[in-house]
Amino acid sequence: MNSISPGSASARVQFVANWLSRLLRLADALRWLPPLLVRLFVGYMFFESGWAKLHNLAGFAERFAEWGIPYPAFSAALSAYTECIGGALLVVGLFTRIVSIPMIINMVVAIATVKMARVASLEDFVELDEPLYILGFFWLLIAGPGGVSLDYLVKHFLLTPLGLGGEAVEGAGDADSKRKLARGTA
C-alpha cells in the first residue's frame, strides 16, 4: 500500500508554491510586454489601414456616401487621418492615452453607422472586430503605454528631472510608483 507521509505532501505543496511564486515574479517582470505588443499590433494595423485610405480618399469618401454618413468627404478624411496618425503614435507609444480616445470614437462610429446594419443578434455583434479594438484601446487608455514607450521616456527623463512630475503625460506611472513617491521611497 502506497501511503503518503505528511512530510512528503507538505514538500510537494511547498514545491508547487515555490514554482507559482517564480511564475508570478516572471509575469511581474514582463508586465511591460503586453502593452507593447498590443500597441505594436493594433497601432501598425490602424496605421496601415489609415495610410491606404488616405491614398484612396476619393474612393473611401464614396463608400461613406453610400453608407449615408453625413459630410462623406470630411468624415472619410477625419477617419483616415485618425487611423493613420493614431496608429503611428500608438506604435511609438506617444500620447497613448489621448490617442486611444479618438480611436475608440472611430470604432463606435464604424459600428453605429455601418456594422450594426448587419447585426441581427448578440452573436453577430460579438463576432465584429471593432468591439475588440475598443476594448484594446480602452485598456491602453486606463493602463497606459507601458515602460517601452516614448510616453515613459518623456515622463521619466524629461518631466521628472524638471520637477514637473509627468502626471499629465501618457502612462504617467503605475500605482506602485505613485505609492512609493507618496512614501518617499522611490
N, C-alpha and C. Protein backbone atom coordinates (compact mmCIF):
# COMPACT_ATOMS: atom_id res chain seq x y z
N MET A 1 0.84 -1.16 0.00
CA MET A 1 0.00 0.00 0.00
C MET A 1 0.90 1.23 0.00
N ASN A 2 0.55 2.15 -0.84
CA ASN A 2 1.33 3.36 -1.02
C ASN A 2 0.73 4.49 -0.20
N SER A 3 1.29 4.78 0.93
CA SER A 3 0.75 5.87 1.75
C SER A 3 1.68 7.07 1.61
N ILE A 4 1.08 8.23 1.69
CA ILE A 4 1.84 9.46 1.57
C ILE A 4 2.02 10.03 2.97
N SER A 5 3.24 10.24 3.32
CA SER A 5 3.50 10.81 4.64
C SER A 5 3.22 12.30 4.60
N PRO A 6 2.84 12.86 5.74
CA PRO A 6 2.55 14.29 5.78
C PRO A 6 3.73 15.14 5.33
N GLY A 7 4.94 14.69 5.62
CA GLY A 7 6.12 15.45 5.22
C GLY A 7 6.26 15.55 3.71
N SER A 8 6.00 14.45 3.00
CA SER A 8 6.15 14.48 1.55
C SER A 8 5.05 15.31 0.90
N ALA A 9 3.84 15.27 1.43
CA ALA A 9 2.75 16.10 0.90
C ALA A 9 3.08 17.57 1.12
N SER A 10 3.60 17.87 2.27
CA SER A 10 3.98 19.25 2.57
C SER A 10 5.10 19.71 1.64
N ALA A 11 6.04 18.82 1.37
CA ALA A 11 7.14 19.16 0.48
C ALA A 11 6.63 19.44 -0.94
N ARG A 12 5.64 18.65 -1.40
CA ARG A 12 5.07 18.87 -2.73
C ARG A 12 4.31 20.19 -2.79
N VAL A 13 3.58 20.49 -1.73
CA VAL A 13 2.85 21.75 -1.69
C VAL A 13 3.84 22.92 -1.73
N GLN A 14 4.91 22.79 -0.99
CA GLN A 14 5.93 23.84 -0.97
C GLN A 14 6.59 23.98 -2.34
N PHE A 15 6.85 22.84 -2.99
CA PHE A 15 7.44 22.85 -4.33
C PHE A 15 6.54 23.60 -5.31
N VAL A 16 5.24 23.27 -5.29
CA VAL A 16 4.27 23.94 -6.17
C VAL A 16 4.19 25.42 -5.83
N ALA A 17 4.15 25.75 -4.55
CA ALA A 17 4.09 27.15 -4.13
C ALA A 17 5.31 27.92 -4.60
N ASN A 18 6.49 27.31 -4.53
CA ASN A 18 7.71 27.96 -5.00
C ASN A 18 7.65 28.24 -6.50
N TRP A 19 7.19 27.23 -7.26
CA TRP A 19 7.09 27.43 -8.71
C TRP A 19 6.07 28.49 -9.06
N LEU A 20 4.94 28.49 -8.37
CA LEU A 20 3.93 29.52 -8.63
C LEU A 20 4.48 30.90 -8.30
N SER A 21 5.23 30.99 -7.23
CA SER A 21 5.84 32.26 -6.85
C SER A 21 6.82 32.73 -7.93
N ARG A 22 7.61 31.81 -8.46
CA ARG A 22 8.56 32.15 -9.53
C ARG A 22 7.82 32.63 -10.79
N LEU A 23 6.74 31.91 -11.13
CA LEU A 23 5.95 32.29 -12.30
C LEU A 23 5.34 33.68 -12.13
N LEU A 24 4.85 33.98 -10.93
CA LEU A 24 4.28 35.30 -10.67
C LEU A 24 5.34 36.39 -10.74
N ARG A 25 6.55 36.10 -10.23
CA ARG A 25 7.64 37.08 -10.34
C ARG A 25 8.02 37.31 -11.80
N LEU A 26 8.04 36.24 -12.58
CA LEU A 26 8.35 36.36 -14.01
C LEU A 26 7.27 37.20 -14.70
N ALA A 27 6.00 36.90 -14.41
CA ALA A 27 4.90 37.67 -15.00
C ALA A 27 5.01 39.15 -14.62
N ASP A 28 5.37 39.42 -13.38
CA ASP A 28 5.53 40.80 -12.94
C ASP A 28 6.69 41.47 -13.66
N ALA A 29 7.78 40.73 -13.86
CA ALA A 29 8.93 41.29 -14.56
C ALA A 29 8.62 41.57 -16.03
N LEU A 30 7.65 40.87 -16.60
CA LEU A 30 7.28 41.03 -18.01
C LEU A 30 6.04 41.89 -18.20
N ARG A 31 5.64 42.65 -17.20
CA ARG A 31 4.39 43.42 -17.32
C ARG A 31 4.50 44.53 -18.37
N TRP A 32 5.69 44.86 -18.81
CA TRP A 32 5.89 45.85 -19.86
C TRP A 32 5.53 45.28 -21.24
N LEU A 33 5.53 43.95 -21.37
CA LEU A 33 5.37 43.32 -22.68
C LEU A 33 3.95 43.40 -23.25
N PRO A 34 2.88 43.10 -22.49
CA PRO A 34 1.54 43.17 -23.11
C PRO A 34 1.17 44.52 -23.71
N PRO A 35 1.39 45.65 -23.00
CA PRO A 35 1.03 46.91 -23.67
C PRO A 35 1.89 47.17 -24.92
N LEU A 36 3.14 46.76 -24.90
CA LEU A 36 3.98 46.93 -26.07
C LEU A 36 3.42 46.14 -27.25
N LEU A 37 3.09 44.88 -27.02
CA LEU A 37 2.58 44.03 -28.10
C LEU A 37 1.24 44.54 -28.63
N VAL A 38 0.35 44.96 -27.74
CA VAL A 38 -0.95 45.50 -28.18
C VAL A 38 -0.73 46.77 -28.99
N ARG A 39 0.13 47.66 -28.50
CA ARG A 39 0.39 48.91 -29.22
C ARG A 39 0.98 48.64 -30.60
N LEU A 40 1.97 47.73 -30.66
CA LEU A 40 2.61 47.44 -31.95
C LEU A 40 1.64 46.81 -32.94
N PHE A 41 0.89 45.82 -32.48
CA PHE A 41 -0.02 45.11 -33.39
C PHE A 41 -1.17 46.00 -33.84
N VAL A 42 -1.89 46.56 -32.88
CA VAL A 42 -3.07 47.36 -33.21
C VAL A 42 -2.65 48.68 -33.87
N GLY A 43 -1.60 49.28 -33.35
CA GLY A 43 -1.13 50.53 -33.94
C GLY A 43 -0.71 50.37 -35.38
N TYR A 44 0.07 49.34 -35.67
CA TYR A 44 0.51 49.12 -37.04
C TYR A 44 -0.66 48.82 -37.95
N MET A 45 -1.60 48.00 -37.48
CA MET A 45 -2.77 47.66 -38.29
C MET A 45 -3.55 48.92 -38.65
N PHE A 46 -3.76 49.82 -37.68
CA PHE A 46 -4.51 51.04 -37.97
C PHE A 46 -3.69 52.03 -38.79
N PHE A 47 -2.39 52.10 -38.56
CA PHE A 47 -1.55 52.96 -39.38
C PHE A 47 -1.64 52.52 -40.85
N GLU A 48 -1.48 51.24 -41.08
CA GLU A 48 -1.52 50.72 -42.45
C GLU A 48 -2.88 50.94 -43.10
N SER A 49 -3.95 50.69 -42.34
CA SER A 49 -5.30 50.89 -42.85
C SER A 49 -5.55 52.37 -43.16
N GLY A 50 -5.16 53.25 -42.25
CA GLY A 50 -5.34 54.68 -42.48
C GLY A 50 -4.53 55.18 -43.66
N TRP A 51 -3.30 54.67 -43.78
CA TRP A 51 -2.43 55.05 -44.89
C TRP A 51 -3.07 54.68 -46.23
N ALA A 52 -3.61 53.47 -46.31
CA ALA A 52 -4.27 53.02 -47.55
C ALA A 52 -5.50 53.89 -47.85
N LYS A 53 -6.26 54.23 -46.82
CA LYS A 53 -7.45 55.08 -47.02
C LYS A 53 -7.05 56.48 -47.48
N LEU A 54 -5.97 57.01 -46.92
CA LEU A 54 -5.51 58.34 -47.33
C LEU A 54 -5.05 58.36 -48.79
N HIS A 55 -4.55 57.24 -49.27
CA HIS A 55 -4.09 57.17 -50.65
C HIS A 55 -5.21 56.82 -51.63
N ASN A 56 -6.41 56.63 -51.13
CA ASN A 56 -7.60 56.46 -51.97
C ASN A 56 -8.76 57.16 -51.28
N LEU A 57 -8.54 58.41 -50.91
CA LEU A 57 -9.53 59.15 -50.14
C LEU A 57 -10.84 59.34 -50.91
N ALA A 58 -10.74 59.52 -52.22
CA ALA A 58 -11.96 59.70 -53.02
C ALA A 58 -12.83 58.43 -52.96
N GLY A 59 -12.20 57.28 -53.11
CA GLY A 59 -12.95 56.02 -53.03
C GLY A 59 -13.51 55.78 -51.64
N PHE A 60 -12.74 56.14 -50.63
CA PHE A 60 -13.19 55.98 -49.25
C PHE A 60 -14.39 56.91 -48.98
N ALA A 61 -14.33 58.14 -49.50
CA ALA A 61 -15.44 59.09 -49.34
C ALA A 61 -16.68 58.59 -50.06
N GLU A 62 -16.51 57.95 -51.23
CA GLU A 62 -17.65 57.38 -51.95
C GLU A 62 -18.35 56.31 -51.11
N ARG A 63 -17.57 55.48 -50.46
CA ARG A 63 -18.17 54.45 -49.58
C ARG A 63 -18.93 55.11 -48.43
N PHE A 64 -18.36 56.19 -47.86
CA PHE A 64 -19.06 56.91 -46.79
C PHE A 64 -20.39 57.45 -47.31
N ALA A 65 -20.40 57.96 -48.53
CA ALA A 65 -21.64 58.47 -49.13
C ALA A 65 -22.65 57.34 -49.32
N GLU A 66 -22.19 56.19 -49.78
CA GLU A 66 -23.07 55.03 -49.96
C GLU A 66 -23.67 54.58 -48.64
N TRP A 67 -22.92 54.68 -47.55
CA TRP A 67 -23.40 54.28 -46.24
C TRP A 67 -24.30 55.34 -45.60
N GLY A 68 -24.39 56.50 -46.24
CA GLY A 68 -25.25 57.56 -45.72
C GLY A 68 -24.62 58.36 -44.59
N ILE A 69 -23.32 58.34 -44.51
CA ILE A 69 -22.62 59.10 -43.47
C ILE A 69 -22.60 60.57 -43.89
N PRO A 70 -23.00 61.48 -42.99
CA PRO A 70 -23.02 62.90 -43.34
C PRO A 70 -21.61 63.43 -43.67
N TYR A 71 -21.57 64.41 -44.56
CA TYR A 71 -20.31 65.04 -44.97
C TYR A 71 -19.26 63.97 -45.29
N PRO A 72 -19.54 63.15 -46.31
CA PRO A 72 -18.68 61.98 -46.55
C PRO A 72 -17.21 62.31 -46.80
N ALA A 73 -16.91 63.38 -47.52
CA ALA A 73 -15.50 63.70 -47.79
C ALA A 73 -14.78 64.08 -46.49
N PHE A 74 -15.41 64.94 -45.70
CA PHE A 74 -14.81 65.34 -44.43
C PHE A 74 -14.70 64.15 -43.48
N SER A 75 -15.79 63.38 -43.36
CA SER A 75 -15.81 62.25 -42.43
C SER A 75 -14.79 61.18 -42.82
N ALA A 76 -14.65 60.93 -44.12
CA ALA A 76 -13.67 59.94 -44.59
C ALA A 76 -12.25 60.40 -44.28
N ALA A 77 -11.97 61.68 -44.54
CA ALA A 77 -10.63 62.21 -44.24
C ALA A 77 -10.35 62.16 -42.75
N LEU A 78 -11.33 62.55 -41.94
CA LEU A 78 -11.15 62.52 -40.48
C LEU A 78 -10.88 61.10 -39.99
N SER A 79 -11.64 60.15 -40.49
CA SER A 79 -11.46 58.75 -40.09
C SER A 79 -10.09 58.23 -40.53
N ALA A 80 -9.72 58.51 -41.77
CA ALA A 80 -8.44 58.02 -42.30
C ALA A 80 -7.26 58.63 -41.55
N TYR A 81 -7.31 59.95 -41.31
CA TYR A 81 -6.21 60.59 -40.57
C TYR A 81 -6.17 60.10 -39.13
N THR A 82 -7.32 59.88 -38.53
CA THR A 82 -7.36 59.35 -37.16
C THR A 82 -6.66 58.00 -37.11
N GLU A 83 -6.97 57.13 -38.04
CA GLU A 83 -6.36 55.80 -38.07
C GLU A 83 -4.86 55.88 -38.35
N CYS A 84 -4.47 56.68 -39.33
CA CYS A 84 -3.06 56.73 -39.73
C CYS A 84 -2.20 57.38 -38.65
N ILE A 85 -2.57 58.56 -38.21
CA ILE A 85 -1.78 59.27 -37.19
C ILE A 85 -1.90 58.57 -35.85
N GLY A 86 -3.12 58.16 -35.49
CA GLY A 86 -3.31 57.45 -34.22
C GLY A 86 -2.54 56.15 -34.18
N GLY A 87 -2.55 55.40 -35.28
CA GLY A 87 -1.80 54.15 -35.34
C GLY A 87 -0.31 54.37 -35.19
N ALA A 88 0.20 55.39 -35.88
CA ALA A 88 1.64 55.69 -35.79
C ALA A 88 2.03 56.08 -34.36
N LEU A 89 1.21 56.91 -33.71
CA LEU A 89 1.51 57.31 -32.34
C LEU A 89 1.44 56.12 -31.37
N LEU A 90 0.51 55.21 -31.62
CA LEU A 90 0.43 54.01 -30.78
C LEU A 90 1.68 53.15 -30.93
N VAL A 91 2.17 53.00 -32.14
CA VAL A 91 3.35 52.17 -32.38
C VAL A 91 4.54 52.66 -31.55
N VAL A 92 4.75 53.97 -31.52
CA VAL A 92 5.89 54.50 -30.77
C VAL A 92 5.55 54.78 -29.31
N GLY A 93 4.26 54.69 -28.97
CA GLY A 93 3.86 54.89 -27.58
C GLY A 93 3.91 56.35 -27.16
N LEU A 94 3.45 57.24 -28.03
CA LEU A 94 3.43 58.67 -27.72
C LEU A 94 1.98 59.15 -27.66
N PHE A 95 1.63 59.79 -26.57
CA PHE A 95 0.25 60.25 -26.32
C PHE A 95 -0.74 59.10 -26.36
N THR A 96 -0.33 57.96 -25.88
CA THR A 96 -1.13 56.73 -25.99
C THR A 96 -2.52 56.88 -25.41
N ARG A 97 -2.61 57.41 -24.22
CA ARG A 97 -3.93 57.54 -23.59
C ARG A 97 -4.81 58.52 -24.35
N ILE A 98 -4.26 59.63 -24.75
CA ILE A 98 -5.04 60.63 -25.50
C ILE A 98 -5.48 60.05 -26.84
N VAL A 99 -4.58 59.39 -27.56
CA VAL A 99 -4.88 58.83 -28.87
C VAL A 99 -5.95 57.74 -28.78
N SER A 100 -6.00 57.03 -27.66
CA SER A 100 -6.99 55.96 -27.51
C SER A 100 -8.42 56.50 -27.60
N ILE A 101 -8.63 57.74 -27.19
CA ILE A 101 -9.99 58.30 -27.19
C ILE A 101 -10.54 58.46 -28.61
N PRO A 102 -9.85 59.17 -29.53
CA PRO A 102 -10.42 59.24 -30.89
C PRO A 102 -10.46 57.89 -31.60
N MET A 103 -9.56 56.98 -31.23
CA MET A 103 -9.61 55.65 -31.84
C MET A 103 -10.87 54.91 -31.39
N ILE A 104 -11.22 55.04 -30.11
CA ILE A 104 -12.46 54.44 -29.61
C ILE A 104 -13.66 55.06 -30.34
N ILE A 105 -13.65 56.39 -30.44
CA ILE A 105 -14.77 57.08 -31.11
C ILE A 105 -14.88 56.61 -32.56
N ASN A 106 -13.77 56.47 -33.25
CA ASN A 106 -13.77 56.00 -34.63
C ASN A 106 -14.43 54.62 -34.74
N MET A 107 -14.12 53.74 -33.79
CA MET A 107 -14.70 52.39 -33.82
C MET A 107 -16.19 52.42 -33.48
N VAL A 108 -16.58 53.26 -32.52
CA VAL A 108 -18.00 53.37 -32.16
C VAL A 108 -18.79 53.88 -33.36
N VAL A 109 -18.26 54.87 -34.06
CA VAL A 109 -18.94 55.40 -35.25
C VAL A 109 -19.03 54.32 -36.33
N ALA A 110 -17.97 53.56 -36.52
CA ALA A 110 -17.99 52.48 -37.52
C ALA A 110 -19.08 51.46 -37.19
N ILE A 111 -19.18 51.11 -35.91
CA ILE A 111 -20.21 50.15 -35.50
C ILE A 111 -21.59 50.74 -35.73
N ALA A 112 -21.80 51.96 -35.27
CA ALA A 112 -23.13 52.58 -35.30
C ALA A 112 -23.60 52.87 -36.72
N THR A 113 -22.68 53.27 -37.61
CA THR A 113 -23.11 53.70 -38.94
C THR A 113 -23.05 52.61 -40.01
N VAL A 114 -22.19 51.63 -39.83
CA VAL A 114 -22.00 50.63 -40.88
C VAL A 114 -22.28 49.21 -40.38
N LYS A 115 -21.64 48.82 -39.33
CA LYS A 115 -21.66 47.43 -38.90
C LYS A 115 -22.99 46.97 -38.33
N MET A 116 -23.69 47.86 -37.61
CA MET A 116 -24.94 47.44 -36.96
C MET A 116 -26.02 47.04 -37.96
N ALA A 117 -25.93 47.50 -39.19
CA ALA A 117 -26.90 47.12 -40.21
C ALA A 117 -26.87 45.62 -40.48
N ARG A 118 -25.73 45.00 -40.21
CA ARG A 118 -25.59 43.56 -40.45
C ARG A 118 -25.69 42.74 -39.18
N VAL A 119 -26.02 43.39 -38.07
CA VAL A 119 -26.10 42.70 -36.79
C VAL A 119 -27.57 42.41 -36.48
N ALA A 120 -27.88 41.12 -36.35
CA ALA A 120 -29.25 40.72 -36.04
C ALA A 120 -29.37 40.12 -34.65
N SER A 121 -28.22 39.82 -34.02
CA SER A 121 -28.26 39.18 -32.71
C SER A 121 -26.98 39.51 -31.95
N LEU A 122 -26.99 39.16 -30.68
CA LEU A 122 -25.79 39.35 -29.87
C LEU A 122 -24.64 38.54 -30.44
N GLU A 123 -24.94 37.36 -30.96
CA GLU A 123 -23.91 36.51 -31.56
C GLU A 123 -23.25 37.21 -32.74
N ASP A 124 -24.04 37.90 -33.57
CA ASP A 124 -23.48 38.67 -34.68
C ASP A 124 -22.59 39.80 -34.16
N PHE A 125 -23.04 40.47 -33.10
CA PHE A 125 -22.30 41.61 -32.56
C PHE A 125 -20.93 41.18 -32.03
N VAL A 126 -20.91 40.08 -31.28
CA VAL A 126 -19.63 39.67 -30.68
C VAL A 126 -18.65 39.13 -31.73
N GLU A 127 -19.12 38.88 -32.93
CA GLU A 127 -18.22 38.46 -34.00
C GLU A 127 -17.58 39.62 -34.74
N LEU A 128 -18.00 40.85 -34.43
CA LEU A 128 -17.39 42.02 -35.03
C LEU A 128 -15.99 42.23 -34.47
N ASP A 129 -15.10 42.78 -35.28
CA ASP A 129 -13.74 43.09 -34.82
C ASP A 129 -13.70 44.38 -33.99
N GLU A 130 -14.54 45.33 -34.33
CA GLU A 130 -14.48 46.65 -33.72
C GLU A 130 -14.64 46.66 -32.21
N PRO A 131 -15.54 45.86 -31.62
CA PRO A 131 -15.60 45.84 -30.15
C PRO A 131 -14.29 45.39 -29.49
N LEU A 132 -13.58 44.48 -30.14
CA LEU A 132 -12.28 44.06 -29.60
C LEU A 132 -11.27 45.19 -29.66
N TYR A 133 -11.29 45.96 -30.75
CA TYR A 133 -10.40 47.12 -30.82
C TYR A 133 -10.77 48.14 -29.75
N ILE A 134 -12.06 48.35 -29.55
CA ILE A 134 -12.50 49.28 -28.49
C ILE A 134 -11.97 48.82 -27.14
N LEU A 135 -12.06 47.53 -26.86
CA LEU A 135 -11.55 47.01 -25.58
C LEU A 135 -10.04 47.21 -25.48
N GLY A 136 -9.31 46.99 -26.57
CA GLY A 136 -7.87 47.20 -26.56
C GLY A 136 -7.52 48.66 -26.32
N PHE A 137 -8.22 49.57 -26.99
CA PHE A 137 -7.98 51.00 -26.78
C PHE A 137 -8.37 51.43 -25.37
N PHE A 138 -9.46 50.87 -24.87
CA PHE A 138 -9.88 51.20 -23.50
C PHE A 138 -8.82 50.74 -22.50
N TRP A 139 -8.29 49.55 -22.71
CA TRP A 139 -7.24 49.04 -21.83
C TRP A 139 -6.02 49.96 -21.87
N LEU A 140 -5.61 50.38 -23.07
CA LEU A 140 -4.47 51.30 -23.17
C LEU A 140 -4.78 52.65 -22.54
N LEU A 141 -6.02 53.09 -22.66
CA LEU A 141 -6.44 54.35 -22.03
C LEU A 141 -6.28 54.28 -20.52
N ILE A 142 -6.67 53.16 -19.93
CA ILE A 142 -6.61 53.00 -18.47
C ILE A 142 -5.21 52.60 -18.01
N ALA A 143 -4.60 51.62 -18.65
CA ALA A 143 -3.32 51.07 -18.19
C ALA A 143 -2.12 51.90 -18.64
N GLY A 144 -2.26 52.61 -19.74
CA GLY A 144 -1.14 53.38 -20.27
C GLY A 144 -0.30 52.54 -21.21
N PRO A 145 0.75 53.15 -21.75
CA PRO A 145 1.52 52.52 -22.83
C PRO A 145 2.56 51.51 -22.37
N GLY A 146 2.85 51.46 -21.08
CA GLY A 146 3.89 50.57 -20.59
C GLY A 146 5.25 51.25 -20.61
N GLY A 147 6.24 50.53 -20.11
CA GLY A 147 7.58 51.09 -19.95
C GLY A 147 8.39 51.20 -21.21
N VAL A 148 7.99 50.52 -22.27
CA VAL A 148 8.73 50.62 -23.53
C VAL A 148 7.93 51.52 -24.46
N SER A 149 8.01 52.83 -24.20
CA SER A 149 7.24 53.80 -24.96
C SER A 149 7.89 55.18 -24.86
N LEU A 150 7.59 56.02 -25.80
CA LEU A 150 8.07 57.40 -25.72
C LEU A 150 7.41 58.13 -24.55
N ASP A 151 6.15 57.80 -24.25
CA ASP A 151 5.48 58.40 -23.10
C ASP A 151 6.29 58.18 -21.82
N TYR A 152 6.76 56.96 -21.64
CA TYR A 152 7.55 56.62 -20.45
C TYR A 152 8.85 57.42 -20.43
N LEU A 153 9.52 57.48 -21.58
CA LEU A 153 10.79 58.22 -21.65
C LEU A 153 10.59 59.71 -21.37
N VAL A 154 9.55 60.28 -21.94
CA VAL A 154 9.27 61.71 -21.70
C VAL A 154 9.03 61.95 -20.22
N LYS A 155 8.23 61.09 -19.61
CA LYS A 155 7.92 61.28 -18.19
C LYS A 155 9.15 61.14 -17.31
N HIS A 156 9.89 60.06 -17.51
CA HIS A 156 10.98 59.75 -16.59
C HIS A 156 12.28 60.49 -16.86
N PHE A 157 12.53 60.88 -18.10
CA PHE A 157 13.81 61.50 -18.39
C PHE A 157 13.72 62.98 -18.76
N LEU A 158 12.50 63.48 -18.93
CA LEU A 158 12.36 64.89 -19.26
C LEU A 158 11.56 65.63 -18.19
N LEU A 159 10.35 65.17 -17.92
CA LEU A 159 9.49 65.89 -17.00
C LEU A 159 9.88 65.72 -15.54
N THR A 160 10.19 64.49 -15.13
CA THR A 160 10.53 64.25 -13.72
C THR A 160 11.78 65.02 -13.31
N PRO A 161 12.88 65.03 -14.08
CA PRO A 161 14.05 65.83 -13.67
C PRO A 161 13.76 67.33 -13.61
N LEU A 162 12.77 67.78 -14.40
CA LEU A 162 12.42 69.20 -14.37
C LEU A 162 11.46 69.53 -13.23
N GLY A 163 11.08 68.51 -12.47
CA GLY A 163 10.17 68.71 -11.35
C GLY A 163 8.72 68.84 -11.76
N LEU A 164 8.41 68.43 -12.99
CA LEU A 164 7.04 68.55 -13.48
C LEU A 164 6.22 67.30 -13.19
N GLY A 165 6.84 66.24 -12.77
CA GLY A 165 6.14 65.04 -12.33
C GLY A 165 5.58 64.18 -13.42
N GLY A 166 5.16 64.77 -14.53
CA GLY A 166 4.68 63.98 -15.64
C GLY A 166 3.29 63.43 -15.48
N GLU A 167 2.50 63.92 -14.52
CA GLU A 167 1.16 63.37 -14.32
C GLU A 167 0.25 63.63 -15.51
N ALA A 168 0.53 64.68 -16.26
CA ALA A 168 -0.31 65.00 -17.42
C ALA A 168 0.11 64.22 -18.65
N VAL A 169 1.20 63.47 -18.56
CA VAL A 169 1.72 62.73 -19.70
C VAL A 169 1.13 61.33 -19.70
N GLU A 170 1.02 60.79 -20.88
CA GLU A 170 0.50 59.42 -21.02
C GLU A 170 1.29 58.46 -20.17
N GLY A 171 0.62 57.51 -19.56
CA GLY A 171 1.30 56.48 -18.78
C GLY A 171 2.12 57.10 -17.68
N ALA A 172 1.54 58.06 -16.99
CA ALA A 172 2.29 58.86 -16.03
C ALA A 172 2.78 58.06 -14.84
N GLY A 173 2.59 56.81 -14.82
CA GLY A 173 3.14 55.99 -13.74
C GLY A 173 2.12 54.98 -13.26
N ASP A 174 2.60 53.88 -12.79
CA ASP A 174 1.69 52.89 -12.26
C ASP A 174 1.43 53.16 -10.78
N ALA A 175 0.48 52.44 -10.24
CA ALA A 175 0.08 52.66 -8.85
C ALA A 175 1.23 52.42 -7.88
N ASP A 176 2.08 51.41 -8.16
CA ASP A 176 3.21 51.13 -7.26
C ASP A 176 4.16 52.31 -7.19
N SER A 177 4.51 52.89 -8.33
CA SER A 177 5.46 54.00 -8.30
C SER A 177 4.85 55.22 -7.65
N LYS A 178 3.53 55.42 -7.81
CA LYS A 178 2.88 56.55 -7.15
C LYS A 178 2.87 56.36 -5.64
N ARG A 179 2.65 55.12 -5.18
CA ARG A 179 2.67 54.86 -3.73
C ARG A 179 4.08 55.09 -3.18
N LYS A 180 5.09 54.64 -3.92
CA LYS A 180 6.47 54.84 -3.47
C LYS A 180 6.81 56.32 -3.40
N LEU A 181 6.37 57.08 -4.40
CA LEU A 181 6.62 58.52 -4.38
C LEU A 181 5.93 59.17 -3.16
N ALA A 182 4.71 58.73 -2.88
CA ALA A 182 3.98 59.29 -1.75
C ALA A 182 4.67 58.98 -0.43
N ARG A 183 5.30 57.80 -0.33
CA ARG A 183 6.01 57.42 0.89
C ARG A 183 7.44 57.98 0.91
N GLY A 184 7.89 58.48 -0.24
CA GLY A 184 9.23 59.00 -0.33
C GLY A 184 10.28 57.90 -0.46
N THR A 185 9.87 56.73 -0.99
CA THR A 185 10.81 55.60 -1.11
C THR A 185 11.13 55.31 -2.57
N ALA A 186 10.78 56.21 -3.48
CA ALA A 186 11.01 55.96 -4.92
C ALA A 186 12.46 56.14 -5.27
